[in-house]
Amino acid sequence: MIIPYQELSPDALQALVEEFVTRNGTDYGNCETSLAEKVRQVVQQLEKGEAVIVYDTAMESCNITTAAQAQTHND
């Protein structure tokens, strides 16, 4: 189930995006990017519709994924 990012409180959205960007470690290639910048980039992707928040009812958890991946899982 896709959850519109606008339905989350600002604090909940911030916490979700921070957890998402820090989940897979800190190796980001040649250019180190701050946490604030990574969060800003993900929020921009949500605003543009390039990324979506998906709630997994079986796991009772949220994740952020690309819109294309979310569409594939809904087909």
PDB file of N, CA and C in Angstrom:
ATOM      1  N   MET A   1       0.849  -1.165   0.000  1.00  0.00           N
ATOM      2  CA  MET A   1       0.000   0.000   0.000  1.00  0.00           C
ATOM      3  C   MET A   1       0.902   1.239   0.000  1.00  0.00           C
ATOM      4  N   ILE A   2       0.661   2.148  -0.932  1.00  0.00           N
ATOM      5  CA  ILE A   2       1.438   3.391  -1.012  1.00  0.00           C
ATOM      6  C   ILE A   2       0.823   4.423  -0.080  1.00  0.00           C
ATOM      7  N   ILE A   3       1.667   5.034   0.726  1.00  0.00           N
ATOM      8  CA  ILE A   3       1.256   6.076   1.665  1.00  0.00           C
ATOM      9  C   ILE A   3       1.740   7.418   1.122  1.00  0.00           C
ATOM     10  N   PRO A   4       0.852   8.348   0.811  1.00  0.00           N
ATOM     11  CA  PRO A   4       1.295   9.666   0.355  1.00  0.00           C
ATOM     12  C   PRO A   4       2.154  10.334   1.438  1.00  0.00           C
ATOM     13  N   TYR A   5       3.318  10.830   1.045  1.00  0.00           N
ATOM     14  CA  TYR A   5       4.229  11.431   2.017  1.00  0.00           C
ATOM     15  C   TYR A   5       3.587  12.611   2.738  1.00  0.00           C
ATOM     16  N   GLN A   6       2.625  13.269   2.083  1.00  0.00           N
ATOM     17  CA  GLN A   6       1.960  14.427   2.679  1.00  0.00           C
ATOM     18  C   GLN A   6       1.114  14.036   3.889  1.00  0.00           C
ATOM     19  N   GLU A   7       0.763  12.759   4.007  1.00  0.00           N
ATOM     20  CA  GLU A   7      -0.067  12.303   5.120  1.00  0.00           C
ATOM     21  C   GLU A   7       0.743  12.084   6.402  1.00  0.00           C
ATOM     22  N   LEU A   8       2.067  12.089   6.299  1.00  0.00           N
ATOM     23  CA  LEU A   8       2.907  11.941   7.472  1.00  0.00           C
ATOM     24  C   LEU A   8       3.174  13.311   8.085  1.00  0.00           C
ATOM     25  N   SER A   9       3.303  13.347   9.391  1.00  0.00           N
ATOM     26  CA  SER A   9       3.708  14.596  10.035  1.00  0.00           C
ATOM     27  C   SER A   9       5.136  14.898   9.612  1.00  0.00           C
ATOM     28  N   PRO A  10       5.546  16.155   9.663  1.00  0.00           N
ATOM     29  CA  PRO A  10       6.929  16.491   9.296  1.00  0.00           C
ATOM     30  C   PRO A  10       7.957  15.688  10.095  1.00  0.00           C
ATOM     31  N   ASP A  11       7.702  15.491  11.390  1.00  0.00           N
ATOM     32  CA  ASP A  11       8.638  14.728  12.218  1.00  0.00           C
ATOM     33  C   ASP A  11       8.697  13.267  11.799  1.00  0.00           C
ATOM     34  N   ALA A  12       7.542  12.667  11.500  1.00  0.00           N
ATOM     35  CA  ALA A  12       7.503  11.268  11.077  1.00  0.00           C
ATOM     36  C   ALA A  12       8.201  11.094   9.728  1.00  0.00           C
ATOM     37  N   LEU A  13       7.961  12.012   8.807  1.00  0.00           N
ATOM     38  CA  LEU A  13       8.619  11.954   7.499  1.00  0.00           C
ATOM     39  C   LEU A  13      10.128  12.075   7.659  1.00  0.00           C
ATOM     40  N   GLN A  14      10.564  13.019   8.469  1.00  0.00           N
ATOM     41  CA  GLN A  14      12.004  13.212   8.709  1.00  0.00           C
ATOM     42  C   GLN A  14      12.624  11.937   9.271  1.00  0.00           C
ATOM     43  N   ALA A  15      11.987  11.344  10.267  1.00  0.00           N
ATOM     44  CA  ALA A  15      12.517  10.130  10.886  1.00  0.00           C
ATOM     45  C   ALA A  15      12.563   8.968   9.891  1.00  0.00           C
ATOM     46  N   LEU A  16      11.520   8.811   9.094  1.00  0.00           N
ATOM     47  CA  LEU A  16      11.476   7.740   8.102  1.00  0.00           C
ATOM     48  C   LEU A  16      12.577   7.907   7.062  1.00  0.00           C
ATOM     49  N   VAL A  17      12.736   9.110   6.555  1.00  0.00           N
ATOM     50  CA  VAL A  17      13.758   9.355   5.527  1.00  0.00           C
ATOM     51  C   VAL A  17      15.159   9.190   6.125  1.00  0.00           C
ATOM     52  N   GLU A  18      15.386   9.679   7.325  1.00  0.00           N
ATOM     53  CA  GLU A  18      16.692   9.507   7.961  1.00  0.00           C
ATOM     54  C   GLU A  18      17.016   8.033   8.149  1.00  0.00           C
ATOM     55  N   GLU A  19      16.042   7.253   8.607  1.00  0.00           N
ATOM     56  CA  GLU A  19      16.270   5.820   8.781  1.00  0.00           C
ATOM     57  C   GLU A  19      16.581   5.168   7.443  1.00  0.00           C
ATOM     58  N   PHE A  20      15.878   5.573   6.412  1.00  0.00           N
ATOM     59  CA  PHE A  20      16.095   5.017   5.070  1.00  0.00           C
ATOM     60  C   PHE A  20      17.508   5.314   4.562  1.00  0.00           C
ATOM     61  N   VAL A  21      17.950   6.551   4.669  1.00  0.00           N
ATOM     62  CA  VAL A  21      19.256   6.906   4.092  1.00  0.00           C
ATOM     63  C   VAL A  21      20.431   6.387   4.912  1.00  0.00           C
ATOM     64  N   THR A  22      20.205   6.048   6.168  1.00  0.00           N
ATOM     65  CA  THR A  22      21.299   5.518   6.989  1.00  0.00           C
ATOM     66  C   THR A  22      21.266   3.995   7.089  1.00  0.00           C
ATOM     67  N   ARG A  23      20.262   3.368   6.528  1.00  0.00           N
ATOM     68  CA  ARG A  23      20.059   1.924   6.653  1.00  0.00           C
ATOM     69  C   ARG A  23      21.194   1.096   6.064  1.00  0.00           C
ATOM     70  N   ASN A  24      21.727   1.498   4.930  1.00  0.00           N
ATOM     71  CA  ASN A  24      22.682   0.658   4.200  1.00  0.00           C
ATOM     72  C   ASN A  24      24.128   1.094   4.333  1.00  0.00           C
ATOM     73  N   GLY A  25      24.503   1.676   5.446  1.00  0.00           N
ATOM     74  CA  GLY A  25      25.891   2.051   5.642  1.00  0.00           C
ATOM     75  C   GLY A  25      26.194   3.448   5.152  1.00  0.00           C
ATOM     76  N   THR A  26      27.483   3.731   5.044  1.00  0.00           N
ATOM     77  CA  THR A  26      27.895   5.102   4.751  1.00  0.00           C
ATOM     78  C   THR A  26      28.820   5.223   3.554  1.00  0.00           C
ATOM     79  N   ASP A  27      28.950   4.230   2.722  1.00  0.00           N
ATOM     80  CA  ASP A  27      29.830   4.304   1.559  1.00  0.00           C
ATOM     81  C   ASP A  27      29.071   4.901   0.380  1.00  0.00           C
ATOM     82  N   TYR A  28      29.365   6.169   0.083  1.00  0.00           N
ATOM     83  CA  TYR A  28      28.660   6.867  -0.998  1.00  0.00           C
ATOM     84  C   TYR A  28      29.594   7.308  -2.111  1.00  0.00           C
ATOM     85  N   GLY A  29      30.683   6.577  -2.288  1.00  0.00           N
ATOM     86  CA  GLY A  29      31.571   6.874  -3.398  1.00  0.00           C
ATOM     87  C   GLY A  29      32.591   7.946  -3.071  1.00  0.00           C
ATOM     88  N   ASN A  30      33.031   8.647  -4.101  1.00  0.00           N
ATOM     89  CA  ASN A  30      34.102   9.628  -3.960  1.00  0.00           C
ATOM     90  C   ASN A  30      33.677  10.886  -3.228  1.00  0.00           C
ATOM     91  N   CYS A  31      32.411  11.199  -3.245  1.00  0.00           N
ATOM     92  CA  CYS A  31      31.919  12.447  -2.672  1.00  0.00           C
ATOM     93  C   CYS A  31      31.075  12.146  -1.444  1.00  0.00           C
ATOM     94  N   GLU A  32      31.556  12.554  -0.275  1.00  0.00           N
ATOM     95  CA  GLU A  32      30.789  12.355   0.952  1.00  0.00           C
ATOM     96  C   GLU A  32      29.663  13.381   1.003  1.00  0.00           C
ATOM     97  N   THR A  33      28.453  12.914   1.279  1.00  0.00           N
ATOM     98  CA  THR A  33      27.278  13.773   1.332  1.00  0.00           C
ATOM     99  C   THR A  33      26.746  13.765   2.754  1.00  0.00           C
ATOM    100  N   SER A  34      26.367  14.927   3.253  1.00  0.00           N
ATOM    101  CA  SER A  34      25.861  15.021   4.618  1.00  0.00           C
ATOM    102  C   SER A  34      24.497  14.346   4.738  1.00  0.00           C
ATOM    103  N   LEU A  35      24.159  13.982   5.957  1.00  0.00           N
ATOM    104  CA  LEU A  35      22.853  13.384   6.213  1.00  0.00           C
ATOM    105  C   LEU A  35      21.741  14.323   5.779  1.00  0.00           C
ATOM    106  N   ALA A  36      21.888  15.598   6.099  1.00  0.00           N
ATOM    107  CA  ALA A  36      20.862  16.583   5.732  1.00  0.00           C
ATOM    108  C   ALA A  36      20.673  16.637   4.216  1.00  0.00           C
ATOM    109  N   GLU A  37      21.761  16.555   3.463  1.00  0.00           N
ATOM    110  CA  GLU A  37      21.668  16.592   1.999  1.00  0.00           C
ATOM    111  C   GLU A  37      21.013  15.326   1.459  1.00  0.00           C
ATOM    112  N   LYS A  38      21.359  14.179   2.027  1.00  0.00           N
ATOM    113  CA  LYS A  38      20.740  12.917   1.593  1.00  0.00           C
ATOM    114  C   LYS A  38      19.241  12.947   1.861  1.00  0.00           C
ATOM    115  N   VAL A  39      18.858  13.438   3.033  1.00  0.00           N
ATOM    116  CA  VAL A  39      17.434  13.540   3.386  1.00  0.00           C
ATOM    117  C   VAL A  39      16.736  14.475   2.407  1.00  0.00           C
ATOM    118  N   ARG A  40      17.350  15.609   2.123  1.00  0.00           N
ATOM    119  CA  ARG A  40      16.770  16.578   1.186  1.00  0.00           C
ATOM    120  C   ARG A  40      16.553  15.937  -0.181  1.00  0.00           C
ATOM    121  N   GLN A  41      17.521  15.164  -0.651  1.00  0.00           N
ATOM    122  CA  GLN A  41      17.409  14.518  -1.955  1.00  0.00           C
ATOM    123  C   GLN A  41      16.250  13.514  -1.998  1.00  0.00           C
ATOM    124  N   VAL A  42      16.091  12.733  -0.933  1.00  0.00           N
ATOM    125  CA  VAL A  42      15.005  11.753  -0.896  1.00  0.00           C
ATOM    126  C   VAL A  42      13.655  12.459  -0.829  1.00  0.00           C
ATOM    127  N   VAL A  43      13.566  13.511  -0.019  1.00  0.00           N
ATOM    128  CA  VAL A  43      12.307  14.261   0.064  1.00  0.00           C
ATOM    129  C   VAL A  43      11.963  14.852  -1.301  1.00  0.00           C
ATOM    130  N   GLN A  44      12.958  15.356  -2.016  1.00  0.00           N
ATOM    131  CA  GLN A  44      12.709  15.874  -3.372  1.00  0.00           C
ATOM    132  C   GLN A  44      12.172  14.774  -4.276  1.00  0.00           C
ATOM    133  N   GLN A  45      12.722  13.573  -4.167  1.00  0.00           N
ATOM    134  CA  GLN A  45      12.241  12.459  -4.988  1.00  0.00           C
ATOM    135  C   GLN A  45      10.798  12.114  -4.640  1.00  0.00           C
ATOM    136  N   LEU A  46      10.455  12.193  -3.363  1.00  0.00           N
ATOM    137  CA  LEU A  46       9.071  11.956  -2.954  1.00  0.00           C
ATOM    138  C   LEU A  46       8.159  13.035  -3.530  1.00  0.00           C
ATOM    139  N   GLU A  47       8.591  14.280  -3.455  1.00  0.00           N
ATOM    140  CA  GLU A  47       7.782  15.394  -3.970  1.00  0.00           C
ATOM    141  C   GLU A  47       7.567  15.294  -5.478  1.00  0.00           C
ATOM    142  N   LYS A  48       8.568  14.811  -6.200  1.00  0.00           N
ATOM    143  CA  LYS A  48       8.471  14.682  -7.660  1.00  0.00           C
ATOM    144  C   LYS A  48       7.741  13.414  -8.092  1.00  0.00           C
ATOM    145  N   GLY A  49       7.460  12.533  -7.144  1.00  0.00           N
ATOM    146  CA  GLY A  49       6.810  11.279  -7.491  1.00  0.00           C
ATOM    147  C   GLY A  49       7.763  10.212  -7.993  1.00  0.00           C
ATOM    148  N   GLU A  50       9.062  10.460  -7.877  1.00  0.00           N
ATOM    149  CA  GLU A  50      10.058   9.479  -8.302  1.00  0.00           C
ATOM    150  C   GLU A  50      10.223   8.374  -7.269  1.00  0.00           C
ATOM    151  N   ALA A  51       9.939   8.689  -6.020  1.00  0.00           N
ATOM    152  CA  ALA A  51      10.005   7.725  -4.923  1.00  0.00           C
ATOM    153  C   ALA A  51       8.667   7.755  -4.186  1.00  0.00           C
ATOM    154  N   VAL A  52       8.351   6.660  -3.524  1.00  0.00           N
ATOM    155  CA  VAL A  52       7.098   6.561  -2.769  1.00  0.00           C
ATOM    156  C   VAL A  52       7.364   5.842  -1.451  1.00  0.00           C
ATOM    157  N   ILE A  53       6.448   6.055  -0.511  1.00  0.00           N
ATOM    158  CA  ILE A  53       6.493   5.350   0.765  1.00  0.00           C
ATOM    159  C   ILE A  53       5.520   4.189   0.655  1.00  0.00           C
ATOM    160  N   VAL A  54       6.004   3.004   0.945  1.00  0.00           N
ATOM    161  CA  VAL A  54       5.202   1.790   0.840  1.00  0.00           C
ATOM    162  C   VAL A  54       5.066   1.170   2.230  1.00  0.00           C
ATOM    163  N   TYR A  55       3.814   0.877   2.609  1.00  0.00           N
ATOM    164  CA  TYR A  55       3.556   0.197   3.873  1.00  0.00           C
ATOM    165  C   TYR A  55       3.309  -1.271   3.590  1.00  0.00           C
ATOM    166  N   ASP A  56       4.066  -2.126   4.257  1.00  0.00           N
ATOM    167  CA  ASP A  56       3.931  -3.565   4.115  1.00  0.00           C
ATOM    168  C   ASP A  56       3.066  -4.067   5.271  1.00  0.00           C
ATOM    169  N   THR A  57       1.843  -4.478   4.960  1.00  0.00           N
ATOM    170  CA  THR A  57       0.918  -4.902   6.008  1.00  0.00           C
ATOM    171  C   THR A  57       1.383  -6.179   6.707  1.00  0.00           C
ATOM    172  N   ALA A  58       2.044  -7.064   5.993  1.00  0.00           N
ATOM    173  CA  ALA A  58       2.522  -8.307   6.596  1.00  0.00           C
ATOM    174  C   ALA A  58       3.637  -8.033   7.603  1.00  0.00           C
ATOM    175  N   MET A  59       4.541  -7.133   7.248  1.00  0.00           N
ATOM    176  CA  MET A  59       5.669  -6.804   8.124  1.00  0.00           C
ATOM    177  C   MET A  59       5.356  -5.651   9.069  1.00  0.00           C
ATOM    178  N   GLU A  60       4.240  -4.965   8.806  1.00  0.00           N
ATOM    179  CA  GLU A  60       3.854  -3.788   9.572  1.00  0.00           C
ATOM    180  C   GLU A  60       4.994  -2.772   9.648  1.00  0.00           C
ATOM    181  N   SER A  61       5.529  -2.457   8.457  1.00  0.00           N
ATOM    182  CA  SER A  61       6.636  -1.511   8.371  1.00  0.00           C
ATOM    183  C   SER A  61       6.542  -0.708   7.081  1.00  0.00           C
ATOM    184  N   CYS A  62       7.231   0.418   7.092  1.00  0.00           N
ATOM    185  CA  CYS A  62       7.282   1.292   5.915  1.00  0.00           C
ATOM    186  C   CYS A  62       8.656   1.221   5.282  1.00  0.00           C
ATOM    187  N   ASN A  63       8.678   1.462   3.984  1.00  0.00           N
ATOM    188  CA  ASN A  63       9.921   1.548   3.245  1.00  0.00           C
ATOM    189  C   ASN A  63       9.754   2.608   2.174  1.00  0.00           C
ATOM    190  N   ILE A  64      10.860   3.121   1.704  1.00  0.00           N
ATOM    191  CA  ILE A  64      10.862   4.059   0.590  1.00  0.00           C
ATOM    192  C   ILE A  64      11.463   3.328  -0.592  1.00  0.00           C
ATOM    193  N   THR A  65      10.799   3.425  -1.723  1.00  0.00           N
ATOM    194  CA  THR A  65      11.267   2.753  -2.928  1.00  0.00           C
ATOM    195  C   THR A  65      10.978   3.645  -4.125  1.00  0.00           C
ATOM    196  N   THR A  66      11.498   3.266  -5.264  1.00  0.00           N
ATOM    197  CA  THR A  66      11.187   4.041  -6.463  1.00  0.00           C
ATOM    198  C   THR A  66       9.745   3.800  -6.846  1.00  0.00           C
ATOM    199  N   ALA A  67       9.158   4.763  -7.516  1.00  0.00           N
ATOM    200  CA  ALA A  67       7.778   4.606  -7.977  1.00  0.00           C
ATOM    201  C   ALA A  67       7.665   3.430  -8.923  1.00  0.00           C
ATOM    202  N   ALA A  68       8.683   3.224  -9.763  1.00  0.00           N
ATOM    203  CA  ALA A  68       8.659   2.117 -10.720  1.00  0.00           C
ATOM    204  C   ALA A  68       8.664   0.773  -9.996  1.00  0.00           C
ATOM    205  N   GLN A  69       9.460   0.628  -8.949  1.00  0.00           N
ATOM    206  CA  GLN A  69       9.494  -0.624  -8.193  1.00  0.00           C
ATOM    207  C   GLN A  69       8.148  -0.858  -7.494  1.00  0.00           C
ATOM    208  N   ALA A  70       7.575   0.180  -6.953  1.00  0.00           N
ATOM    209  CA  ALA A  70       6.285   0.043  -6.280  1.00  0.00           C
ATOM    210  C   ALA A  70       5.210  -0.384  -7.272  1.00  0.00           C
ATOM    211  N   GLN A  71       5.245   0.152  -8.471  1.00  0.00           N
ATOM    212  CA  GLN A  71       4.279  -0.207  -9.505  1.00  0.00           C
ATOM    213  C   GLN A  71       4.439  -1.663  -9.903  1.00  0.00           C
ATOM    214  N   THR A  72       5.663  -2.138 -10.009  1.00  0.00           N
ATOM    215  CA  THR A  72       5.943  -3.525 -10.370  1.00  0.00           C
ATOM    216  C   THR A  72       5.363  -4.480  -9.334  1.00  0.00           C
ATOM    217  N   HIS A  73       5.482  -4.111  -8.049  1.00  0.00           N
ATOM    218  CA  HIS A  73       4.977  -4.971  -6.980  1.00  0.00           C
ATOM    219  C   HIS A  73       3.450  -4.958  -6.914  1.00  0.00           C
ATOM    220  N   ASN A  74       2.808  -3.924  -7.460  1.00  0.00           N
ATOM    221  CA  ASN A  74       1.349  -3.829  -7.439  1.00  0.00           C
ATOM    222  C   ASN A  74       0.705  -4.493  -8.646  1.00  0.00           C
ATOM    223  N   ASP A  75       1.494  -4.820  -9.659  1.00  0.00           N
ATOM    224  CA  ASP A  75       0.952  -5.436 -10.874  1.00  0.00           C
ATOM    225  C   ASP A  75       0.702  -6.911 -10.673  1.00  0.00           C
TER     226      ASP A  75
END
